[in-house]
Amino acid sequence: MRLADSMDVRDYVVTFKNLLSADTCTQLMDWLRDMPESDNAWDGWAVAKSATGHDKQEITEHRTCHFTMLNAHRAPNFANLEMALHHVNEKYPFQHNSHSHTGIQVLRYQQGHKFREHIDHYSGGPRILSISILLNDDYEGGRFSFWQGRHSADQFCKAGDALVFPSGLSFPHQVEPITQGTRYSMVIWTQ
């Protein structure tokens, strides 16, 4: 039995509903769908890698998706993204002392793509908070879950919603395989 005033680790997983507007998501999606495939994530969709050591990243079966990087020179409505990040930093209810981020990635999960259970913090890229913003919701599969699927983030299911949680060891999470369509999400890690 849980006491009403006690904390549960799941309480640290916070959903920000409508963090990005439908218009911002639509403009980003239109831009992203026209982006070419590339070997460089600053030029287009590159194959995503996984951290396999302190300073080593490799393409693995653990993670199958593509990613691209965003900044003020590459993305429409970048000011809206910066305002959204500021809002998360101000409103996330737990002390985190993070004031900068490691960059903005967009992940593209096509049919069969997934990211098996992992944590976001690693020695090559110290991270405090993980922010995942869903850009579309017209796909099937791709459930975002924690702790070997024991806690689903089903409330994080509409375009523009964000899921925010600590990046450390206590928050292993996964994106289950996409069964139909393509899932796009923006991922930011604060430092």
N, C-alpha and C. Protein backbone atom coordinates (compact mmCIF):
# COMPACT_ATOMS: atom_id res chain seq x y z
N MET A 1 0.84 -1.18 0.00
CA MET A 1 0.00 0.00 0.00
C MET A 1 0.88 1.25 0.00
N ARG A 2 0.55 2.20 -0.88
CA ARG A 2 1.33 3.41 -1.01
C ARG A 2 0.68 4.54 -0.23
N LEU A 3 1.46 5.26 0.55
CA LEU A 3 0.94 6.42 1.26
C LEU A 3 0.74 7.56 0.29
N ALA A 4 -0.28 8.36 0.50
CA ALA A 4 -0.63 9.45 -0.41
C ALA A 4 0.50 10.45 -0.57
N ASP A 5 1.28 10.68 0.49
CA ASP A 5 2.33 11.68 0.39
C ASP A 5 3.71 11.09 0.06
N SER A 6 3.78 9.81 -0.23
CA SER A 6 5.07 9.21 -0.56
C SER A 6 5.34 9.33 -2.06
N MET A 7 6.59 9.33 -2.41
CA MET A 7 7.00 9.43 -3.81
C MET A 7 7.22 8.05 -4.39
N ASP A 8 6.93 7.92 -5.64
CA ASP A 8 7.17 6.72 -6.41
C ASP A 8 8.10 7.13 -7.55
N VAL A 9 8.99 6.28 -7.95
CA VAL A 9 9.94 6.62 -9.01
C VAL A 9 9.19 7.04 -10.28
N ARG A 10 7.99 6.51 -10.51
CA ARG A 10 7.21 6.88 -11.69
C ARG A 10 6.78 8.34 -11.66
N ASP A 11 6.76 8.95 -10.48
CA ASP A 11 6.37 10.36 -10.38
C ASP A 11 7.37 11.28 -11.07
N TYR A 12 8.58 10.81 -11.28
CA TYR A 12 9.61 11.60 -11.94
C TYR A 12 9.46 11.61 -13.46
N VAL A 13 8.58 10.77 -13.99
CA VAL A 13 8.26 10.75 -15.42
C VAL A 13 7.06 11.67 -15.60
N VAL A 14 7.31 12.84 -16.22
CA VAL A 14 6.30 13.89 -16.31
C VAL A 14 5.92 14.12 -17.77
N THR A 15 4.62 14.20 -18.03
CA THR A 15 4.12 14.51 -19.37
C THR A 15 3.77 15.98 -19.45
N PHE A 16 4.25 16.65 -20.49
CA PHE A 16 3.88 18.02 -20.80
C PHE A 16 2.97 17.95 -22.02
N LYS A 17 1.68 18.11 -21.79
CA LYS A 17 0.71 18.05 -22.88
C LYS A 17 0.82 19.29 -23.75
N ASN A 18 0.75 19.10 -25.07
CA ASN A 18 0.76 20.21 -26.04
C ASN A 18 1.96 21.13 -25.86
N LEU A 19 3.13 20.57 -25.61
CA LEU A 19 4.32 21.40 -25.47
C LEU A 19 4.60 22.14 -26.77
N LEU A 20 4.40 21.45 -27.89
CA LEU A 20 4.49 22.09 -29.21
C LEU A 20 3.10 22.14 -29.81
N SER A 21 2.79 23.21 -30.50
CA SER A 21 1.48 23.35 -31.12
C SER A 21 1.35 22.41 -32.32
N ALA A 22 0.13 22.17 -32.74
CA ALA A 22 -0.12 21.35 -33.92
C ALA A 22 0.52 21.99 -35.15
N ASP A 23 0.48 23.32 -35.26
CA ASP A 23 1.09 24.01 -36.40
C ASP A 23 2.60 23.81 -36.43
N THR A 24 3.25 23.92 -35.26
CA THR A 24 4.70 23.72 -35.20
C THR A 24 5.05 22.29 -35.60
N CYS A 25 4.30 21.31 -35.09
CA CYS A 25 4.55 19.91 -35.45
C CYS A 25 4.36 19.68 -36.95
N THR A 26 3.30 20.24 -37.52
CA THR A 26 3.04 20.08 -38.96
C THR A 26 4.16 20.68 -39.79
N GLN A 27 4.61 21.88 -39.44
CA GLN A 27 5.69 22.51 -40.20
C GLN A 27 6.98 21.70 -40.09
N LEU A 28 7.29 21.22 -38.90
CA LEU A 28 8.47 20.38 -38.74
C LEU A 28 8.35 19.09 -39.55
N MET A 29 7.18 18.45 -39.47
CA MET A 29 6.98 17.19 -40.19
C MET A 29 7.11 17.39 -41.70
N ASP A 30 6.55 18.46 -42.25
CA ASP A 30 6.67 18.74 -43.69
C ASP A 30 8.13 18.90 -44.07
N TRP A 31 8.89 19.58 -43.26
CA TRP A 31 10.31 19.78 -43.52
C TRP A 31 11.08 18.48 -43.41
N LEU A 32 10.78 17.69 -42.38
CA LEU A 32 11.50 16.44 -42.13
C LEU A 32 11.24 15.39 -43.20
N ARG A 33 10.01 15.29 -43.68
CA ARG A 33 9.67 14.27 -44.69
C ARG A 33 10.41 14.47 -46.00
N ASP A 34 10.81 15.71 -46.29
CA ASP A 34 11.53 16.01 -47.53
C ASP A 34 13.05 15.90 -47.38
N MET A 35 13.52 15.60 -46.19
CA MET A 35 14.95 15.55 -45.93
C MET A 35 15.57 14.29 -46.57
N PRO A 36 16.74 14.43 -47.21
CA PRO A 36 17.37 13.27 -47.86
C PRO A 36 18.08 12.34 -46.86
N GLU A 37 18.38 11.15 -47.32
CA GLU A 37 19.23 10.23 -46.56
C GLU A 37 20.65 10.77 -46.65
N SER A 38 21.46 10.53 -45.60
CA SER A 38 22.81 11.08 -45.58
C SER A 38 23.69 10.26 -44.65
N ASP A 39 25.00 10.42 -44.80
CA ASP A 39 25.94 9.84 -43.85
C ASP A 39 26.21 10.79 -42.69
N ASN A 40 25.74 12.03 -42.81
CA ASN A 40 25.97 13.06 -41.82
C ASN A 40 24.61 13.59 -41.33
N ALA A 41 24.35 13.49 -40.04
CA ALA A 41 23.06 13.89 -39.48
C ALA A 41 22.80 15.39 -39.60
N TRP A 42 23.83 16.18 -39.90
CA TRP A 42 23.62 17.62 -40.12
C TRP A 42 23.19 17.90 -41.55
N ASP A 43 23.23 16.88 -42.42
CA ASP A 43 22.83 17.06 -43.82
C ASP A 43 21.55 16.32 -44.16
N GLY A 44 21.09 15.41 -43.32
CA GLY A 44 19.89 14.62 -43.61
C GLY A 44 19.75 13.49 -42.62
N TRP A 45 19.01 12.45 -43.03
CA TRP A 45 18.76 11.29 -42.16
C TRP A 45 19.95 10.35 -42.18
N ALA A 46 20.60 10.18 -41.04
CA ALA A 46 21.73 9.25 -40.89
C ALA A 46 21.28 8.08 -40.03
N VAL A 47 21.95 6.95 -40.20
CA VAL A 47 21.65 5.78 -39.37
C VAL A 47 22.11 6.08 -37.94
N ALA A 48 21.22 5.85 -36.98
CA ALA A 48 21.53 6.12 -35.58
C ALA A 48 22.47 5.06 -35.02
N LYS A 49 23.34 5.47 -34.13
CA LYS A 49 24.29 4.58 -33.48
C LYS A 49 23.95 4.47 -32.01
N SER A 50 24.55 3.51 -31.34
CA SER A 50 24.38 3.33 -29.89
C SER A 50 25.73 3.49 -29.22
N ALA A 51 25.72 4.04 -28.01
CA ALA A 51 26.95 4.13 -27.23
C ALA A 51 27.35 2.72 -26.81
N THR A 52 28.54 2.33 -27.19
CA THR A 52 29.03 1.00 -26.82
C THR A 52 30.27 1.08 -25.93
N GLY A 53 30.62 2.27 -25.52
CA GLY A 53 31.76 2.49 -24.64
C GLY A 53 31.84 3.95 -24.28
N HIS A 54 32.87 4.30 -23.53
CA HIS A 54 33.04 5.67 -23.05
C HIS A 54 33.01 6.68 -24.20
N ASP A 55 33.73 6.41 -25.26
CA ASP A 55 33.81 7.35 -26.37
C ASP A 55 33.57 6.66 -27.72
N LYS A 56 32.81 5.58 -27.69
CA LYS A 56 32.59 4.81 -28.91
C LYS A 56 31.10 4.64 -29.18
N GLN A 57 30.70 4.90 -30.42
CA GLN A 57 29.33 4.67 -30.84
C GLN A 57 29.35 3.83 -32.11
N GLU A 58 28.44 2.87 -32.17
CA GLU A 58 28.39 1.95 -33.30
C GLU A 58 26.95 1.70 -33.73
N ILE A 59 26.78 1.29 -34.96
CA ILE A 59 25.48 0.82 -35.43
C ILE A 59 25.27 -0.57 -34.85
N THR A 60 24.16 -0.76 -34.15
CA THR A 60 23.88 -2.05 -33.52
C THR A 60 22.43 -2.45 -33.77
N GLU A 61 22.11 -3.70 -33.49
CA GLU A 61 20.73 -4.17 -33.56
C GLU A 61 19.92 -3.68 -32.36
N HIS A 62 20.61 -3.18 -31.35
CA HIS A 62 19.95 -2.66 -30.15
C HIS A 62 19.08 -1.45 -30.50
N ARG A 63 19.57 -0.68 -31.46
CA ARG A 63 18.89 0.55 -31.87
C ARG A 63 18.79 0.57 -33.39
N THR A 64 17.57 0.58 -33.91
CA THR A 64 17.39 0.68 -35.36
C THR A 64 16.46 1.85 -35.65
N CYS A 65 17.04 2.92 -36.12
CA CYS A 65 16.28 4.11 -36.53
C CYS A 65 17.24 5.05 -37.25
N HIS A 66 16.73 6.17 -37.69
CA HIS A 66 17.54 7.21 -38.31
C HIS A 66 17.40 8.48 -37.49
N PHE A 67 18.37 9.38 -37.62
CA PHE A 67 18.28 10.65 -36.89
C PHE A 67 18.85 11.78 -37.71
N THR A 68 18.44 12.99 -37.36
CA THR A 68 19.01 14.19 -37.92
C THR A 68 19.12 15.21 -36.80
N MET A 69 19.99 16.17 -36.97
CA MET A 69 20.23 17.20 -35.95
C MET A 69 19.56 18.51 -36.37
N LEU A 70 19.11 19.26 -35.36
CA LEU A 70 18.47 20.55 -35.61
C LEU A 70 19.23 21.67 -34.91
N ASN A 71 19.19 22.83 -35.52
CA ASN A 71 19.64 24.06 -34.87
C ASN A 71 18.90 25.22 -35.51
N ALA A 72 19.20 26.43 -35.09
CA ALA A 72 18.47 27.61 -35.57
C ALA A 72 18.60 27.80 -37.07
N HIS A 73 19.65 27.28 -37.68
CA HIS A 73 19.88 27.45 -39.11
C HIS A 73 19.23 26.35 -39.95
N ARG A 74 18.76 25.28 -39.29
CA ARG A 74 18.27 24.13 -40.04
C ARG A 74 16.80 23.83 -39.87
N ALA A 75 16.11 24.43 -38.94
CA ALA A 75 14.75 23.99 -38.65
C ALA A 75 13.76 25.15 -38.69
N PRO A 76 12.58 24.90 -39.23
CA PRO A 76 11.54 25.93 -39.15
C PRO A 76 11.06 26.08 -37.70
N ASN A 77 10.64 27.28 -37.34
CA ASN A 77 10.08 27.54 -36.00
C ASN A 77 11.04 27.19 -34.87
N PHE A 78 12.33 27.39 -35.05
CA PHE A 78 13.28 27.03 -34.01
C PHE A 78 13.03 27.82 -32.72
N ALA A 79 12.56 29.05 -32.83
CA ALA A 79 12.25 29.83 -31.64
C ALA A 79 11.19 29.14 -30.79
N ASN A 80 10.22 28.48 -31.43
CA ASN A 80 9.20 27.74 -30.68
C ASN A 80 9.82 26.57 -29.92
N LEU A 81 10.81 25.92 -30.51
CA LEU A 81 11.49 24.81 -29.84
C LEU A 81 12.25 25.33 -28.62
N GLU A 82 12.94 26.43 -28.77
CA GLU A 82 13.68 26.99 -27.64
C GLU A 82 12.74 27.41 -26.51
N MET A 83 11.58 27.99 -26.85
CA MET A 83 10.61 28.37 -25.82
C MET A 83 10.08 27.13 -25.11
N ALA A 84 9.85 26.05 -25.85
CA ALA A 84 9.36 24.80 -25.25
C ALA A 84 10.40 24.25 -24.27
N LEU A 85 11.67 24.27 -24.63
CA LEU A 85 12.72 23.78 -23.74
C LEU A 85 12.82 24.64 -22.49
N HIS A 86 12.69 25.94 -22.66
CA HIS A 86 12.71 26.83 -21.50
C HIS A 86 11.54 26.50 -20.57
N HIS A 87 10.37 26.26 -21.13
CA HIS A 87 9.19 25.91 -20.33
C HIS A 87 9.44 24.64 -19.53
N VAL A 88 10.00 23.62 -20.16
CA VAL A 88 10.29 22.35 -19.46
C VAL A 88 11.27 22.61 -18.31
N ASN A 89 12.35 23.35 -18.59
CA ASN A 89 13.33 23.63 -17.53
C ASN A 89 12.71 24.37 -16.36
N GLU A 90 11.79 25.26 -16.63
CA GLU A 90 11.14 26.03 -15.56
C GLU A 90 10.09 25.22 -14.80
N LYS A 91 9.38 24.32 -15.49
CA LYS A 91 8.21 23.67 -14.90
C LYS A 91 8.42 22.22 -14.46
N TYR A 92 9.52 21.59 -14.86
CA TYR A 92 9.75 20.22 -14.38
C TYR A 92 9.81 20.28 -12.85
N PRO A 93 9.00 19.50 -12.14
CA PRO A 93 8.78 19.73 -10.70
C PRO A 93 9.91 19.32 -9.76
N PHE A 94 10.98 18.75 -10.27
CA PHE A 94 12.03 18.28 -9.38
C PHE A 94 13.32 19.04 -9.65
N GLN A 95 14.07 19.31 -8.61
CA GLN A 95 15.34 20.04 -8.73
C GLN A 95 16.27 19.29 -9.66
N HIS A 96 16.76 19.98 -10.68
CA HIS A 96 17.64 19.30 -11.64
C HIS A 96 18.86 20.12 -12.03
N ASN A 97 18.85 21.42 -11.82
CA ASN A 97 20.02 22.28 -12.08
C ASN A 97 20.60 22.13 -13.48
N SER A 98 19.78 21.90 -14.47
CA SER A 98 20.29 21.83 -15.84
C SER A 98 19.88 23.10 -16.57
N HIS A 99 20.83 23.69 -17.27
CA HIS A 99 20.57 24.96 -17.94
C HIS A 99 20.99 24.96 -19.40
N SER A 100 21.54 23.89 -19.86
CA SER A 100 21.92 23.80 -21.27
C SER A 100 21.54 22.41 -21.77
N HIS A 101 21.71 22.20 -23.07
CA HIS A 101 21.38 20.87 -23.61
C HIS A 101 22.47 20.42 -24.58
N THR A 102 22.42 19.15 -24.92
CA THR A 102 23.46 18.53 -25.75
C THR A 102 23.17 18.65 -27.24
N GLY A 103 22.08 19.30 -27.61
CA GLY A 103 21.68 19.41 -29.01
C GLY A 103 20.30 18.80 -29.19
N ILE A 104 19.70 19.09 -30.32
CA ILE A 104 18.35 18.59 -30.60
C ILE A 104 18.43 17.58 -31.74
N GLN A 105 17.98 16.38 -31.45
CA GLN A 105 17.91 15.32 -32.46
C GLN A 105 16.45 15.07 -32.80
N VAL A 106 16.22 14.67 -34.04
CA VAL A 106 14.92 14.11 -34.40
C VAL A 106 15.18 12.66 -34.80
N LEU A 107 14.39 11.76 -34.22
CA LEU A 107 14.51 10.34 -34.51
C LEU A 107 13.37 9.91 -35.42
N ARG A 108 13.69 9.11 -36.42
CA ARG A 108 12.70 8.57 -37.35
C ARG A 108 12.72 7.05 -37.23
N TYR A 109 11.61 6.52 -36.70
CA TYR A 109 11.45 5.07 -36.56
C TYR A 109 10.48 4.60 -37.64
N GLN A 110 10.99 3.84 -38.60
CA GLN A 110 10.12 3.28 -39.63
C GLN A 110 9.68 1.88 -39.21
N GLN A 111 8.86 1.25 -40.03
CA GLN A 111 8.32 -0.07 -39.68
C GLN A 111 9.45 -1.03 -39.31
N GLY A 112 9.30 -1.68 -38.14
CA GLY A 112 10.30 -2.63 -37.64
C GLY A 112 11.40 -1.99 -36.80
N HIS A 113 11.53 -0.68 -36.87
CA HIS A 113 12.57 0.00 -36.07
C HIS A 113 12.17 0.04 -34.61
N LYS A 114 13.22 0.08 -33.75
CA LYS A 114 12.99 0.11 -32.30
C LYS A 114 14.25 0.61 -31.62
N PHE A 115 14.14 0.82 -30.30
CA PHE A 115 15.30 1.11 -29.47
C PHE A 115 15.09 0.31 -28.19
N ARG A 116 15.83 -0.76 -28.07
CA ARG A 116 15.69 -1.63 -26.90
C ARG A 116 16.03 -0.88 -25.62
N GLU A 117 15.69 -1.48 -24.50
CA GLU A 117 15.85 -0.81 -23.22
C GLU A 117 17.28 -0.30 -23.03
N HIS A 118 17.37 0.93 -22.57
CA HIS A 118 18.65 1.62 -22.38
C HIS A 118 18.44 2.77 -21.40
N ILE A 119 19.54 3.36 -20.97
CA ILE A 119 19.48 4.62 -20.23
C ILE A 119 20.17 5.67 -21.09
N ASP A 120 19.86 6.93 -20.85
CA ASP A 120 20.41 7.99 -21.69
C ASP A 120 21.73 8.55 -21.19
N HIS A 121 22.02 8.41 -19.91
CA HIS A 121 23.27 8.93 -19.36
C HIS A 121 24.40 7.92 -19.61
N TYR A 122 25.50 8.38 -20.10
CA TYR A 122 26.70 7.55 -20.21
C TYR A 122 27.91 8.45 -20.08
N SER A 123 29.06 7.88 -19.79
CA SER A 123 30.23 8.69 -19.47
C SER A 123 30.68 9.58 -20.61
N GLY A 124 30.40 9.21 -21.84
CA GLY A 124 30.79 10.03 -22.99
C GLY A 124 29.84 11.19 -23.23
N GLY A 125 28.70 11.20 -22.57
CA GLY A 125 27.72 12.26 -22.76
C GLY A 125 26.87 12.45 -21.53
N PRO A 126 27.41 13.06 -20.48
CA PRO A 126 26.64 13.23 -19.25
C PRO A 126 25.33 13.97 -19.51
N ARG A 127 24.24 13.41 -19.03
CA ARG A 127 22.92 13.99 -19.24
C ARG A 127 22.15 13.96 -17.94
N ILE A 128 21.33 15.00 -17.69
CA ILE A 128 20.54 15.08 -16.46
C ILE A 128 19.09 14.72 -16.72
N LEU A 129 18.45 15.44 -17.66
CA LEU A 129 17.06 15.18 -18.01
C LEU A 129 16.96 14.76 -19.47
N SER A 130 16.04 13.83 -19.74
CA SER A 130 15.72 13.43 -21.10
C SER A 130 14.36 14.02 -21.45
N ILE A 131 14.28 14.62 -22.63
CA ILE A 131 13.04 15.22 -23.11
C ILE A 131 12.73 14.60 -24.47
N SER A 132 11.60 13.93 -24.57
CA SER A 132 11.18 13.33 -25.83
C SER A 132 9.86 13.95 -26.23
N ILE A 133 9.83 14.61 -27.40
CA ILE A 133 8.64 15.28 -27.89
C ILE A 133 8.13 14.53 -29.12
N LEU A 134 6.92 14.05 -29.04
CA LEU A 134 6.32 13.32 -30.15
C LEU A 134 5.85 14.32 -31.21
N LEU A 135 6.26 14.10 -32.46
CA LEU A 135 5.91 15.01 -33.54
C LEU A 135 4.72 14.54 -34.37
N ASN A 136 4.41 13.25 -34.30
CA ASN A 136 3.25 12.73 -35.04
C ASN A 136 2.65 11.58 -34.24
N ASP A 137 1.41 11.24 -34.56
CA ASP A 137 0.77 10.11 -33.88
C ASP A 137 0.02 9.22 -34.87
N ASP A 138 0.40 9.27 -36.14
CA ASP A 138 -0.26 8.46 -37.18
C ASP A 138 0.58 7.23 -37.53
N TYR A 139 0.91 6.45 -36.53
CA TYR A 139 1.67 5.21 -36.69
C TYR A 139 1.12 4.21 -35.69
N GLU A 140 1.54 2.94 -35.82
CA GLU A 140 1.14 1.91 -34.85
C GLU A 140 2.38 1.25 -34.28
N GLY A 141 2.25 0.73 -33.07
CA GLY A 141 3.39 0.17 -32.35
C GLY A 141 4.16 1.32 -31.72
N GLY A 142 5.44 1.11 -31.47
CA GLY A 142 6.29 2.18 -30.96
C GLY A 142 5.96 2.63 -29.56
N ARG A 143 5.41 1.73 -28.75
CA ARG A 143 5.08 2.09 -27.38
C ARG A 143 6.34 2.50 -26.63
N PHE A 144 6.28 3.60 -25.90
CA PHE A 144 7.38 4.09 -25.08
C PHE A 144 7.14 3.56 -23.67
N SER A 145 8.06 2.75 -23.17
CA SER A 145 7.84 2.16 -21.84
C SER A 145 9.13 2.16 -21.02
N PHE A 146 8.94 1.99 -19.71
CA PHE A 146 10.04 1.98 -18.75
C PHE A 146 10.07 0.63 -18.03
N TRP A 147 11.22 0.33 -17.46
CA TRP A 147 11.41 -0.79 -16.54
C TRP A 147 10.88 -2.10 -17.13
N GLN A 148 11.48 -2.50 -18.25
CA GLN A 148 11.14 -3.76 -18.93
C GLN A 148 9.65 -3.83 -19.28
N GLY A 149 9.10 -2.70 -19.69
CA GLY A 149 7.72 -2.64 -20.12
C GLY A 149 6.70 -2.58 -19.01
N ARG A 150 7.16 -2.48 -17.77
CA ARG A 150 6.22 -2.48 -16.63
C ARG A 150 5.43 -1.18 -16.50
N HIS A 151 5.97 -0.09 -17.03
CA HIS A 151 5.27 1.19 -16.96
C HIS A 151 5.25 1.78 -18.37
N SER A 152 4.06 1.93 -18.89
CA SER A 152 3.89 2.49 -20.23
C SER A 152 3.64 3.97 -20.14
N ALA A 153 4.17 4.68 -21.08
CA ALA A 153 3.92 6.11 -21.16
C ALA A 153 2.80 6.36 -22.17
N ASP A 154 1.70 5.62 -22.04
CA ASP A 154 0.59 5.73 -22.98
C ASP A 154 -0.02 7.12 -23.00
N GLN A 155 0.07 7.86 -21.89
CA GLN A 155 -0.46 9.21 -21.86
C GLN A 155 0.32 10.12 -22.79
N PHE A 156 1.50 9.69 -23.20
CA PHE A 156 2.36 10.42 -24.13
C PHE A 156 2.04 9.89 -25.52
N CYS A 157 0.91 10.33 -26.06
CA CYS A 157 0.49 9.69 -27.30
C CYS A 157 0.02 10.65 -28.37
N LYS A 158 0.01 11.92 -28.13
CA LYS A 158 -0.45 12.90 -29.12
C LYS A 158 0.71 13.75 -29.62
N ALA A 159 0.65 14.11 -30.89
CA ALA A 159 1.67 14.99 -31.46
C ALA A 159 1.74 16.28 -30.65
N GLY A 160 2.95 16.70 -30.32
CA GLY A 160 3.18 17.90 -29.54
C GLY A 160 3.38 17.65 -28.06
N ASP A 161 3.06 16.45 -27.58
CA ASP A 161 3.26 16.11 -26.16
C ASP A 161 4.72 15.75 -25.91
N ALA A 162 5.19 16.04 -24.71
CA ALA A 162 6.58 15.72 -24.33
C ALA A 162 6.59 14.86 -23.08
N LEU A 163 7.54 13.97 -23.04
CA LEU A 163 7.78 13.13 -21.88
C LEU A 163 9.14 13.53 -21.33
N VAL A 164 9.21 13.85 -20.03
CA VAL A 164 10.45 14.31 -19.42
C VAL A 164 10.75 13.44 -18.21
N PHE A 165 12.00 12.99 -18.11
CA PHE A 165 12.39 12.10 -17.02
C PHE A 165 13.90 12.18 -16.81
N PRO A 166 14.39 11.78 -15.64
CA PRO A 166 15.84 11.77 -15.41
C PRO A 166 16.54 10.81 -16.37
N SER A 167 17.74 11.17 -16.77
CA SER A 167 18.48 10.38 -17.77
C SER A 167 19.26 9.22 -17.17
N GLY A 168 19.31 9.10 -15.86
CA GLY A 168 20.21 8.17 -15.20
C GLY A 168 19.75 6.72 -15.11
N LEU A 169 20.53 5.98 -14.37
CA LEU A 169 20.42 4.53 -14.24
C LEU A 169 19.05 4.04 -13.79
N SER A 170 18.33 4.82 -13.02
CA SER A 170 17.04 4.39 -12.49
C SER A 170 15.90 4.46 -13.50
N PHE A 171 16.18 4.95 -14.72
CA PHE A 171 15.11 5.16 -15.70
C PHE A 171 15.39 4.48 -17.04
N PRO A 172 15.58 3.14 -17.02
CA PRO A 172 15.73 2.43 -18.29
C PRO A 172 14.41 2.48 -19.05
N HIS A 173 14.49 2.71 -20.36
CA HIS A 173 13.29 2.87 -21.17
C HIS A 173 13.54 2.32 -22.57
N GLN A 174 12.46 2.19 -23.33
CA GLN A 174 12.57 1.64 -24.67
C GLN A 174 11.47 2.19 -25.56
N VAL A 175 11.72 2.10 -26.88
CA VAL A 175 10.68 2.32 -27.88
C VAL A 175 10.49 0.98 -28.56
N GLU A 176 9.30 0.42 -28.40
CA GLU A 176 9.02 -0.90 -28.97
C GLU A 176 8.90 -0.79 -30.49
N PRO A 177 9.03 -1.91 -31.22
CA PRO A 177 9.02 -1.86 -32.68
C PRO A 177 7.77 -1.19 -33.27
N ILE A 178 8.00 -0.45 -34.33
CA ILE A 178 6.92 0.17 -35.09
C ILE A 178 6.30 -0.93 -35.96
N THR A 179 4.99 -1.05 -35.93
CA THR A 179 4.31 -2.08 -36.72
C THR A 179 3.71 -1.52 -38.00
N GLN A 180 3.42 -0.22 -38.01
CA GLN A 180 2.87 0.40 -39.23
C GLN A 180 3.12 1.90 -39.18
N GLY A 181 3.52 2.47 -40.31
CA GLY A 181 3.77 3.89 -40.40
C GLY A 181 5.17 4.26 -39.93
N THR A 182 5.37 5.53 -39.65
CA THR A 182 6.67 6.07 -39.23
C THR A 182 6.45 6.98 -38.04
N ARG A 183 7.26 6.77 -36.99
CA ARG A 183 7.19 7.58 -35.77
C ARG A 183 8.33 8.59 -35.79
N TYR A 184 8.00 9.88 -35.57
CA TYR A 184 8.98 10.94 -35.49
C TYR A 184 8.95 11.54 -34.08
N SER A 185 10.10 11.66 -33.46
CA SER A 185 10.16 12.30 -32.14
C SER A 185 11.42 13.14 -32.05
N MET A 186 11.31 14.22 -31.32
CA MET A 186 12.44 15.09 -31.06
C MET A 186 12.99 14.73 -29.69
N VAL A 187 14.31 14.60 -29.58
CA VAL A 187 14.93 14.21 -28.32
C VAL A 187 16.00 15.22 -27.95
N ILE A 188 15.92 15.68 -26.69
CA ILE A 188 16.87 16.64 -26.15
C ILE A 188 17.32 16.14 -24.78
N TRP A 189 18.60 16.27 -24.49
CA TRP A 189 19.11 15.93 -23.17
C TRP A 189 19.68 17.19 -22.54
N THR A 190 19.28 17.47 -21.31
CA THR A 190 19.83 18.64 -20.64
C THR A 190 21.07 18.24 -19.85
N GLN A 191 21.92 19.23 -19.62
CA GLN A 191 23.18 19.02 -18.89
C GLN A 191 23.17 19.82 -17.62
